[in-house]
């Protein structure tokens, strides 16, 4: 089981704590940001293969920002090498 704390960039959230086991996202918790939306994203992706999370959420933008909280989750998964 891999636990990871990712410092986000360019979003209202400041970090993402996540746990991945055997390629499956087990837990996601954002610090800061839009609380209800981020709880929803976390609940939706928990239990999902990390590769599927990236496939669905990578590149999502927040308004005119070049990234978003879902996109930052994908960056975290790639950085922790949960996705090959």
PDB file of N, CA and C in Angstrom:
ATOM      1  N   UNK A   1       0.859  -1.168   0.000  1.00  0.00           N
ATOM      2  CA  UNK A   1       0.000   0.000   0.000  1.00  0.00           C
ATOM      3  C   UNK A   1       0.907   1.234   0.000  1.00  0.00           C
ATOM      4  N   UNK A   2       0.617   2.156  -0.904  1.00  0.00           N
ATOM      5  CA  UNK A   2       1.400   3.382  -0.996  1.00  0.00           C
ATOM      6  C   UNK A   2       0.568   4.568  -0.542  1.00  0.00           C
ATOM      7  N   UNK A   3       1.097   5.296   0.423  1.00  0.00           N
ATOM      8  CA  UNK A   3       0.465   6.527   0.876  1.00  0.00           C
ATOM      9  C   UNK A   3       1.303   7.681   0.370  1.00  0.00           C
ATOM     10  N   UNK A   4       0.637   8.782   0.022  1.00  0.00           N
ATOM     11  CA  UNK A   4       1.342   9.876  -0.612  1.00  0.00           C
ATOM     12  C   UNK A   4       0.672  11.196  -0.255  1.00  0.00           C
ATOM     13  N   UNK A   5       1.476  12.238  -0.056  1.00  0.00           N
ATOM     14  CA  UNK A   5       0.969  13.579   0.150  1.00  0.00           C
ATOM     15  C   UNK A   5       1.504  14.441  -0.979  1.00  0.00           C
ATOM     16  N   UNK A   6       0.598  14.971  -1.767  1.00  0.00           N
ATOM     17  CA  UNK A   6       0.958  15.768  -2.941  1.00  0.00           C
ATOM     18  C   UNK A   6       0.597  17.227  -2.697  1.00  0.00           C
ATOM     19  N   UNK A   7       1.544  18.112  -2.889  1.00  0.00           N
ATOM     20  CA  UNK A   7       1.306  19.556  -2.774  1.00  0.00           C
ATOM     21  C   UNK A   7       0.801  20.053  -4.125  1.00  0.00           C
ATOM     22  N   UNK A   8      -0.431  20.517  -4.162  1.00  0.00           N
ATOM     23  CA  UNK A   8      -1.031  20.963  -5.420  1.00  0.00           C
ATOM     24  C   UNK A   8      -0.465  22.308  -5.857  1.00  0.00           C
ATOM     25  N   UNK A   9      -0.614  22.594  -7.139  1.00  0.00           N
ATOM     26  CA  UNK A   9      -0.157  23.853  -7.711  1.00  0.00           C
ATOM     27  C   UNK A   9      -1.247  24.401  -8.618  1.00  0.00           C
ATOM     28  N   UNK A  10      -1.551  25.687  -8.467  1.00  0.00           N
ATOM     29  CA  UNK A  10      -2.495  26.342  -9.355  1.00  0.00           C
ATOM     30  C   UNK A  10      -3.960  26.110  -9.045  1.00  0.00           C
ATOM     31  N   UNK A  11      -4.250  25.589  -7.842  1.00  0.00           N
ATOM     32  CA  UNK A  11      -5.642  25.332  -7.459  1.00  0.00           C
ATOM     33  C   UNK A  11      -5.924  25.915  -6.078  1.00  0.00           C
ATOM     34  N   UNK A  12      -7.197  25.971  -5.728  1.00  0.00           N
ATOM     35  CA  UNK A  12      -7.589  26.453  -4.401  1.00  0.00           C
ATOM     36  C   UNK A  12      -7.197  25.451  -3.316  1.00  0.00           C
ATOM     37  N   UNK A  13      -7.220  24.167  -3.648  1.00  0.00           N
ATOM     38  CA  UNK A  13      -6.764  23.164  -2.686  1.00  0.00           C
ATOM     39  C   UNK A  13      -5.242  23.290  -2.556  1.00  0.00           C
ATOM     40  N   UNK A  14      -4.720  22.910  -1.389  1.00  0.00           N
ATOM     41  CA  UNK A  14      -3.283  23.045  -1.163  1.00  0.00           C
ATOM     42  C   UNK A  14      -2.543  21.721  -1.167  1.00  0.00           C
ATOM     43  N   UNK A  15      -3.264  20.625  -0.930  1.00  0.00           N
ATOM     44  CA  UNK A  15      -2.626  19.311  -0.959  1.00  0.00           C
ATOM     45  C   UNK A  15      -3.672  18.216  -1.117  1.00  0.00           C
ATOM     46  N   UNK A  16      -3.167  17.040  -1.500  1.00  0.00           N
ATOM     47  CA  UNK A  16      -4.008  15.854  -1.631  1.00  0.00           C
ATOM     48  C   UNK A  16      -3.291  14.709  -0.924  1.00  0.00           C
ATOM     49  N   UNK A  17      -3.964  14.077   0.034  1.00  0.00           N
ATOM     50  CA  UNK A  17      -3.448  12.868   0.672  1.00  0.00           C
ATOM     51  C   UNK A  17      -4.147  11.697  -0.002  1.00  0.00           C
ATOM     52  N   UNK A  18      -3.356  10.741  -0.493  1.00  0.00           N
ATOM     53  CA  UNK A  18      -3.989   9.611  -1.165  1.00  0.00           C
ATOM     54  C   UNK A  18      -3.287   8.310  -0.838  1.00  0.00           C
ATOM     55  N   UNK A  19      -4.040   7.244  -0.951  1.00  0.00           N
ATOM     56  CA  UNK A  19      -3.544   5.897  -0.737  1.00  0.00           C
ATOM     57  C   UNK A  19      -3.934   5.061  -1.937  1.00  0.00           C
ATOM     58  N   UNK A  20      -2.959   4.325  -2.473  1.00  0.00           N
ATOM     59  CA  UNK A  20      -3.190   3.438  -3.608  1.00  0.00           C
ATOM     60  C   UNK A  20      -2.632   2.069  -3.241  1.00  0.00           C
ATOM     61  N   UNK A  21      -3.419   1.034  -3.507  1.00  0.00           N
ATOM     62  CA  UNK A  21      -2.987  -0.328  -3.236  1.00  0.00           C
ATOM     63  C   UNK A  21      -3.247  -1.188  -4.466  1.00  0.00           C
ATOM     64  N   UNK A  22      -2.199  -1.811  -4.972  1.00  0.00           N
ATOM     65  CA  UNK A  22      -2.299  -2.671  -6.161  1.00  0.00           C
ATOM     66  C   UNK A  22      -2.987  -1.953  -7.322  1.00  0.00           C
ATOM     67  N   UNK A  23      -2.661  -0.672  -7.503  1.00  0.00           N
ATOM     68  CA  UNK A  23      -3.211   0.094  -8.619  1.00  0.00           C
ATOM     69  C   UNK A  23      -4.622   0.611  -8.414  1.00  0.00           C
ATOM     70  N   UNK A  24      -5.195   0.385  -7.235  1.00  0.00           N
ATOM     71  CA  UNK A  24      -6.554   0.829  -6.928  1.00  0.00           C
ATOM     72  C   UNK A  24      -6.488   1.992  -5.938  1.00  0.00           C
ATOM     73  N   UNK A  25      -7.197   3.068  -6.245  1.00  0.00           N
ATOM     74  CA  UNK A  25      -7.253   4.216  -5.348  1.00  0.00           C
ATOM     75  C   UNK A  25      -8.113   3.838  -4.144  1.00  0.00           C
ATOM     76  N   UNK A  26      -7.515   3.870  -2.965  1.00  0.00           N
ATOM     77  CA  UNK A  26      -8.218   3.474  -1.744  1.00  0.00           C
ATOM     78  C   UNK A  26      -8.753   4.666  -0.965  1.00  0.00           C
ATOM     79  N   UNK A  27      -8.014   5.781  -0.989  1.00  0.00           N
ATOM     80  CA  UNK A  27      -8.420   6.942  -0.204  1.00  0.00           C
ATOM     81  C   UNK A  27      -7.887   8.211  -0.847  1.00  0.00           C
ATOM     82  N   UNK A  28      -8.716   9.260  -0.869  1.00  0.00           N
ATOM     83  CA  UNK A  28      -8.319  10.577  -1.361  1.00  0.00           C
ATOM     84  C   UNK A  28      -8.898  11.618  -0.424  1.00  0.00           C
ATOM     85  N   UNK A  29      -8.061  12.547   0.036  1.00  0.00           N
ATOM     86  CA  UNK A  29      -8.527  13.637   0.895  1.00  0.00           C
ATOM     87  C   UNK A  29      -7.811  14.919   0.493  1.00  0.00           C
ATOM     88  N   UNK A  30      -8.577  15.900   0.069  1.00  0.00           N
ATOM     89  CA  UNK A  30      -8.035  17.208  -0.305  1.00  0.00           C
ATOM     90  C   UNK A  30      -8.001  18.115   0.917  1.00  0.00           C
ATOM     91  N   UNK A  31      -7.032  19.016   0.955  1.00  0.00           N
ATOM     92  CA  UNK A  31      -6.980  20.086   1.942  1.00  0.00           C
ATOM     93  C   UNK A  31      -7.269  21.382   1.208  1.00  0.00           C
ATOM     94  N   UNK A  32      -8.260  22.125   1.695  1.00  0.00           N
ATOM     95  CA  UNK A  32      -8.650  23.367   1.045  1.00  0.00           C
ATOM     96  C   UNK A  32      -9.532  23.091  -0.159  1.00  0.00           C
ATOM     97  N   UNK A  33      -9.823  24.134  -0.913  1.00  0.00           N
ATOM     98  CA  UNK A  33     -10.641  23.986  -2.109  1.00  0.00           C
ATOM     99  C   UNK A  33     -12.126  23.961  -1.803  1.00  0.00           C
ATOM    100  N   UNK A  34     -12.913  23.552  -2.770  1.00  0.00           N
ATOM    101  CA  UNK A  34     -14.379  23.505  -2.668  1.00  0.00           C
ATOM    102  C   UNK A  34     -14.778  22.204  -1.975  1.00  0.00           C
ATOM    103  N   UNK A  35     -15.020  22.271  -0.700  1.00  0.00           N
ATOM    104  CA  UNK A  35     -15.197  21.100   0.141  1.00  0.00           C
ATOM    105  C   UNK A  35     -16.190  20.074  -0.416  1.00  0.00           C
ATOM    106  N   UNK A  36     -17.382  20.495  -0.747  1.00  0.00           N
ATOM    107  CA  UNK A  36     -18.389  19.539  -1.236  1.00  0.00           C
ATOM    108  C   UNK A  36     -17.986  18.873  -2.533  1.00  0.00           C
ATOM    109  N   UNK A  37     -17.494  19.654  -3.482  1.00  0.00           N
ATOM    110  CA  UNK A  37     -17.068  19.090  -4.763  1.00  0.00           C
ATOM    111  C   UNK A  37     -15.919  18.110  -4.584  1.00  0.00           C
ATOM    112  N   UNK A  38     -14.968  18.461  -3.738  1.00  0.00           N
ATOM    113  CA  UNK A  38     -13.806  17.595  -3.572  1.00  0.00           C
ATOM    114  C   UNK A  38     -14.137  16.333  -2.790  1.00  0.00           C
ATOM    115  N   UNK A  39     -15.084  16.420  -1.873  1.00  0.00           N
ATOM    116  CA  UNK A  39     -15.555  15.191  -1.215  1.00  0.00           C
ATOM    117  C   UNK A  39     -16.216  14.283  -2.245  1.00  0.00           C
ATOM    118  N   UNK A  40     -16.989  14.885  -3.145  1.00  0.00           N
ATOM    119  CA  UNK A  40     -17.651  14.107  -4.188  1.00  0.00           C
ATOM    120  C   UNK A  40     -16.655  13.420  -5.106  1.00  0.00           C
ATOM    121  N   UNK A  41     -15.654  14.155  -5.559  1.00  0.00           N
ATOM    122  CA  UNK A  41     -14.621  13.566  -6.414  1.00  0.00           C
ATOM    123  C   UNK A  41     -13.939  12.417  -5.676  1.00  0.00           C
ATOM    124  N   UNK A  42     -13.588  12.653  -4.416  1.00  0.00           N
ATOM    125  CA  UNK A  42     -12.907  11.622  -3.634  1.00  0.00           C
ATOM    126  C   UNK A  42     -13.741  10.356  -3.544  1.00  0.00           C
ATOM    127  N   UNK A  43     -15.009  10.498  -3.242  1.00  0.00           N
ATOM    128  CA  UNK A  43     -15.870   9.318  -3.115  1.00  0.00           C
ATOM    129  C   UNK A  43     -16.053   8.598  -4.449  1.00  0.00           C
ATOM    130  N   UNK A  44     -16.104   9.355  -5.521  1.00  0.00           N
ATOM    131  CA  UNK A  44     -16.275   8.732  -6.836  1.00  0.00           C
ATOM    132  C   UNK A  44     -15.057   7.927  -7.272  1.00  0.00           C
ATOM    133  N   UNK A  45     -13.861   8.399  -6.965  1.00  0.00           N
ATOM    134  CA  UNK A  45     -12.659   7.715  -7.457  1.00  0.00           C
ATOM    135  C   UNK A  45     -12.167   6.616  -6.526  1.00  0.00           C
ATOM    136  N   UNK A  46     -12.566   6.638  -5.255  1.00  0.00           N
ATOM    137  CA  UNK A  46     -12.136   5.584  -4.347  1.00  0.00           C
ATOM    138  C   UNK A  46     -12.697   4.244  -4.821  1.00  0.00           C
ATOM    139  N   UNK A  47     -11.811   3.262  -4.920  1.00  0.00           N
ATOM    140  CA  UNK A  47     -12.186   1.945  -5.430  1.00  0.00           C
ATOM    141  C   UNK A  47     -11.950   1.801  -6.927  1.00  0.00           C
ATOM    142  N   UNK A  48     -11.584   2.869  -7.590  1.00  0.00           N
ATOM    143  CA  UNK A  48     -11.358   2.878  -9.037  1.00  0.00           C
ATOM    144  C   UNK A  48      -9.871   2.632  -9.338  1.00  0.00           C
ATOM    145  N   UNK A  49      -9.570   1.930 -10.422  1.00  0.00           N
ATOM    146  CA  UNK A  49      -8.163   1.805 -10.826  1.00  0.00           C
ATOM    147  C   UNK A  49      -7.564   3.188 -11.100  1.00  0.00           C
ATOM    148  N   UNK A  50      -6.341   3.394 -10.638  1.00  0.00           N
ATOM    149  CA  UNK A  50      -5.670   4.688 -10.821  1.00  0.00           C
ATOM    150  C   UNK A  50      -5.596   5.063 -12.298  1.00  0.00           C
ATOM    151  N   UNK A  51      -5.358   4.098 -13.158  1.00  0.00           N
ATOM    152  CA  UNK A  51      -5.291   4.381 -14.598  1.00  0.00           C
ATOM    153  C   UNK A  51      -6.615   4.925 -15.132  1.00  0.00           C
ATOM    154  N   UNK A  52      -7.720   4.436 -14.617  1.00  0.00           N
ATOM    155  CA  UNK A  52      -9.038   4.909 -15.041  1.00  0.00           C
ATOM    156  C   UNK A  52      -9.294   6.326 -14.540  1.00  0.00           C
ATOM    157  N   UNK A  53      -8.858   6.617 -13.327  1.00  0.00           N
ATOM    158  CA  UNK A  53      -8.984   7.976 -12.797  1.00  0.00           C
ATOM    159  C   UNK A  53      -8.263   8.951 -13.720  1.00  0.00           C
ATOM    160  N   UNK A  54      -7.040   8.618 -14.094  1.00  0.00           N
ATOM    161  CA  UNK A  54      -6.255   9.488 -14.977  1.00  0.00           C
ATOM    162  C   UNK A  54      -6.921   9.605 -16.339  1.00  0.00           C
ATOM    163  N   UNK A  55      -7.398   8.492 -16.864  1.00  0.00           N
ATOM    164  CA  UNK A  55      -8.043   8.516 -18.181  1.00  0.00           C
ATOM    165  C   UNK A  55      -9.240   9.467 -18.193  1.00  0.00           C
ATOM    166  N   UNK A  56      -9.991   9.469 -17.120  1.00  0.00           N
ATOM    167  CA  UNK A  56     -11.213  10.279 -17.071  1.00  0.00           C
ATOM    168  C   UNK A  56     -10.982  11.739 -16.680  1.00  0.00           C
ATOM    169  N   UNK A  57      -9.996  12.015 -15.833  1.00  0.00           N
ATOM    170  CA  UNK A  57      -9.882  13.339 -15.226  1.00  0.00           C
ATOM    171  C   UNK A  57      -8.691  14.181 -15.672  1.00  0.00           C
ATOM    172  N   UNK A  58      -7.710  13.568 -16.282  1.00  0.00           N
ATOM    173  CA  UNK A  58      -6.525  14.337 -16.675  1.00  0.00           C
ATOM    174  C   UNK A  58      -6.897  15.404 -17.705  1.00  0.00           C
ATOM    175  N   UNK A  59      -6.403  16.608 -17.480  1.00  0.00           N
ATOM    176  CA  UNK A  59      -6.644  17.701 -18.409  1.00  0.00           C
ATOM    177  C   UNK A  59      -7.866  18.542 -18.091  1.00  0.00           C
ATOM    178  N   UNK A  60      -8.644  18.157 -17.082  1.00  0.00           N
ATOM    179  CA  UNK A  60      -9.794  18.968 -16.685  1.00  0.00           C
ATOM    180  C   UNK A  60      -9.271  20.307 -16.184  1.00  0.00           C
ATOM    181  N   UNK A  61      -9.907  21.382 -16.627  1.00  0.00           N
ATOM    182  CA  UNK A  61      -9.490  22.723 -16.232  1.00  0.00           C
ATOM    183  C   UNK A  61     -10.548  23.361 -15.348  1.00  0.00           C
ATOM    184  N   UNK A  62     -10.118  24.302 -14.522  1.00  0.00           N
ATOM    185  CA  UNK A  62     -11.022  25.053 -13.653  1.00  0.00           C
ATOM    186  C   UNK A  62     -11.062  26.490 -14.167  1.00  0.00           C
ATOM    187  N   UNK A  63     -12.144  26.838 -14.839  1.00  0.00           N
ATOM    188  CA  UNK A  63     -12.253  28.176 -15.416  1.00  0.00           C
ATOM    189  C   UNK A  63     -11.121  28.438 -16.383  1.00  0.00           C
ATOM    190  N   UNK A  64     -10.431  29.551 -16.207  1.00  0.00           N
ATOM    191  CA  UNK A  64      -9.330  29.897 -17.109  1.00  0.00           C
ATOM    192  C   UNK A  64      -7.990  29.340 -16.623  1.00  0.00           C
ATOM    193  N   UNK A  65      -7.986  28.632 -15.492  1.00  0.00           N
ATOM    194  CA  UNK A  65      -6.747  28.043 -14.972  1.00  0.00           C
ATOM    195  C   UNK A  65      -6.329  26.872 -15.866  1.00  0.00           C
ATOM    196  N   UNK A  66      -5.032  26.636 -15.990  1.00  0.00           N
ATOM    197  CA  UNK A  66      -4.577  25.528 -16.829  1.00  0.00           C
ATOM    198  C   UNK A  66      -4.712  24.157 -16.173  1.00  0.00           C
ATOM    199  N   UNK A  67      -5.191  24.107 -14.934  1.00  0.00           N
ATOM    200  CA  UNK A  67      -5.331  22.854 -14.200  1.00  0.00           C
ATOM    201  C   UNK A  67      -6.580  22.932 -13.331  1.00  0.00           C
ATOM    202  N   UNK A  68      -6.822  21.891 -12.547  1.00  0.00           N
ATOM    203  CA  UNK A  68      -7.963  21.832 -11.630  1.00  0.00           C
ATOM    204  C   UNK A  68      -7.628  20.837 -10.535  1.00  0.00           C
ATOM    205  N   UNK A  69      -8.481  20.740  -9.541  1.00  0.00           N
ATOM    206  CA  UNK A  69      -8.265  19.748  -8.489  1.00  0.00           C
ATOM    207  C   UNK A  69      -8.289  18.312  -9.027  1.00  0.00           C
ATOM    208  N   UNK A  70      -9.211  17.952  -9.939  1.00  0.00           N
ATOM    209  CA  UNK A  70      -9.151  16.612 -10.517  1.00  0.00           C
ATOM    210  C   UNK A  70      -7.871  16.383 -11.320  1.00  0.00           C
ATOM    211  N   UNK A  71      -7.424  17.381 -12.072  1.00  0.00           N
ATOM    212  CA  UNK A  71      -6.188  17.271 -12.848  1.00  0.00           C
ATOM    213  C   UNK A  71      -4.991  17.113 -11.912  1.00  0.00           C
ATOM    214  N   UNK A  72      -4.991  17.833 -10.790  1.00  0.00           N
ATOM    215  CA  UNK A  72      -3.905  17.706  -9.825  1.00  0.00           C
ATOM    216  C   UNK A  72      -3.874  16.302  -9.212  1.00  0.00           C
ATOM    217  N   UNK A  73      -5.021  15.685  -9.021  1.00  0.00           N
ATOM    218  CA  UNK A  73      -5.067  14.301  -8.549  1.00  0.00           C
ATOM    219  C   UNK A  73      -4.359  13.391  -9.542  1.00  0.00           C
ATOM    220  N   UNK A  74      -4.573  13.614 -10.812  1.00  0.00           N
ATOM    221  CA  UNK A  74      -3.906  12.817 -11.848  1.00  0.00           C
ATOM    222  C   UNK A  74      -2.393  13.018 -11.796  1.00  0.00           C
ATOM    223  N   UNK A  75      -1.964  14.246 -11.594  1.00  0.00           N
ATOM    224  CA  UNK A  75      -0.528  14.527 -11.469  1.00  0.00           C
ATOM    225  C   UNK A  75       0.047  13.798 -10.256  1.00  0.00           C
ATOM    226  N   UNK A  76      -0.701  13.780  -9.167  1.00  0.00           N
ATOM    227  CA  UNK A  76      -0.255  13.073  -7.966  1.00  0.00           C
ATOM    228  C   UNK A  76      -0.129  11.577  -8.239  1.00  0.00           C
ATOM    229  N   UNK A  77      -1.107  10.996  -8.902  1.00  0.00           N
ATOM    230  CA  UNK A  77      -1.061   9.568  -9.221  1.00  0.00           C
ATOM    231  C   UNK A  77       0.120   9.253 -10.131  1.00  0.00           C
ATOM    232  N   UNK A  78       0.384  10.101 -11.090  1.00  0.00           N
ATOM    233  CA  UNK A  78       1.542   9.889 -11.969  1.00  0.00           C
ATOM    234  C   UNK A  78       2.849  10.032 -11.198  1.00  0.00           C
ATOM    235  N   UNK A  79       2.916  11.040 -10.326  1.00  0.00           N
ATOM    236  CA  UNK A  79       4.136  11.274  -9.564  1.00  0.00           C
ATOM    237  C   UNK A  79       4.443  10.122  -8.628  1.00  0.00           C
ATOM    238  N   UNK A  80       3.410   9.541  -8.028  1.00  0.00           N
ATOM    239  CA  UNK A  80       3.640   8.413  -7.121  1.00  0.00           C
ATOM    240  C   UNK A  80       3.771   7.098  -7.889  1.00  0.00           C
ATOM    241  N   UNK A  81       3.725   7.195  -9.210  1.00  0.00           N
ATOM    242  CA  UNK A  81       3.895   6.057 -10.121  1.00  0.00           C
ATOM    243  C   UNK A  81       2.827   4.975  -9.941  1.00  0.00           C
ATOM    244  N   UNK A  82       1.605   5.415  -9.596  1.00  0.00           N
ATOM    245  CA  UNK A  82       0.474   4.499  -9.507  1.00  0.00           C
ATOM    246  C   UNK A  82      -0.056   4.190 -10.907  1.00  0.00           C
ATOM    247  N   UNK A  83       0.381   5.014 -11.883  1.00  0.00           N
ATOM    248  CA  UNK A  83      -0.027   4.838 -13.277  1.00  0.00           C
ATOM    249  C   UNK A  83       1.234   4.711 -14.112  1.00  0.00           C
ATOM    250  N   UNK A  84       1.300   3.700 -14.902  1.00  0.00           N
ATOM    251  CA  UNK A  84       2.480   3.493 -15.766  1.00  0.00           C
ATOM    252  C   UNK A  84       2.247   4.064 -17.138  1.00  0.00           C
TER     253      UNK A  84
END
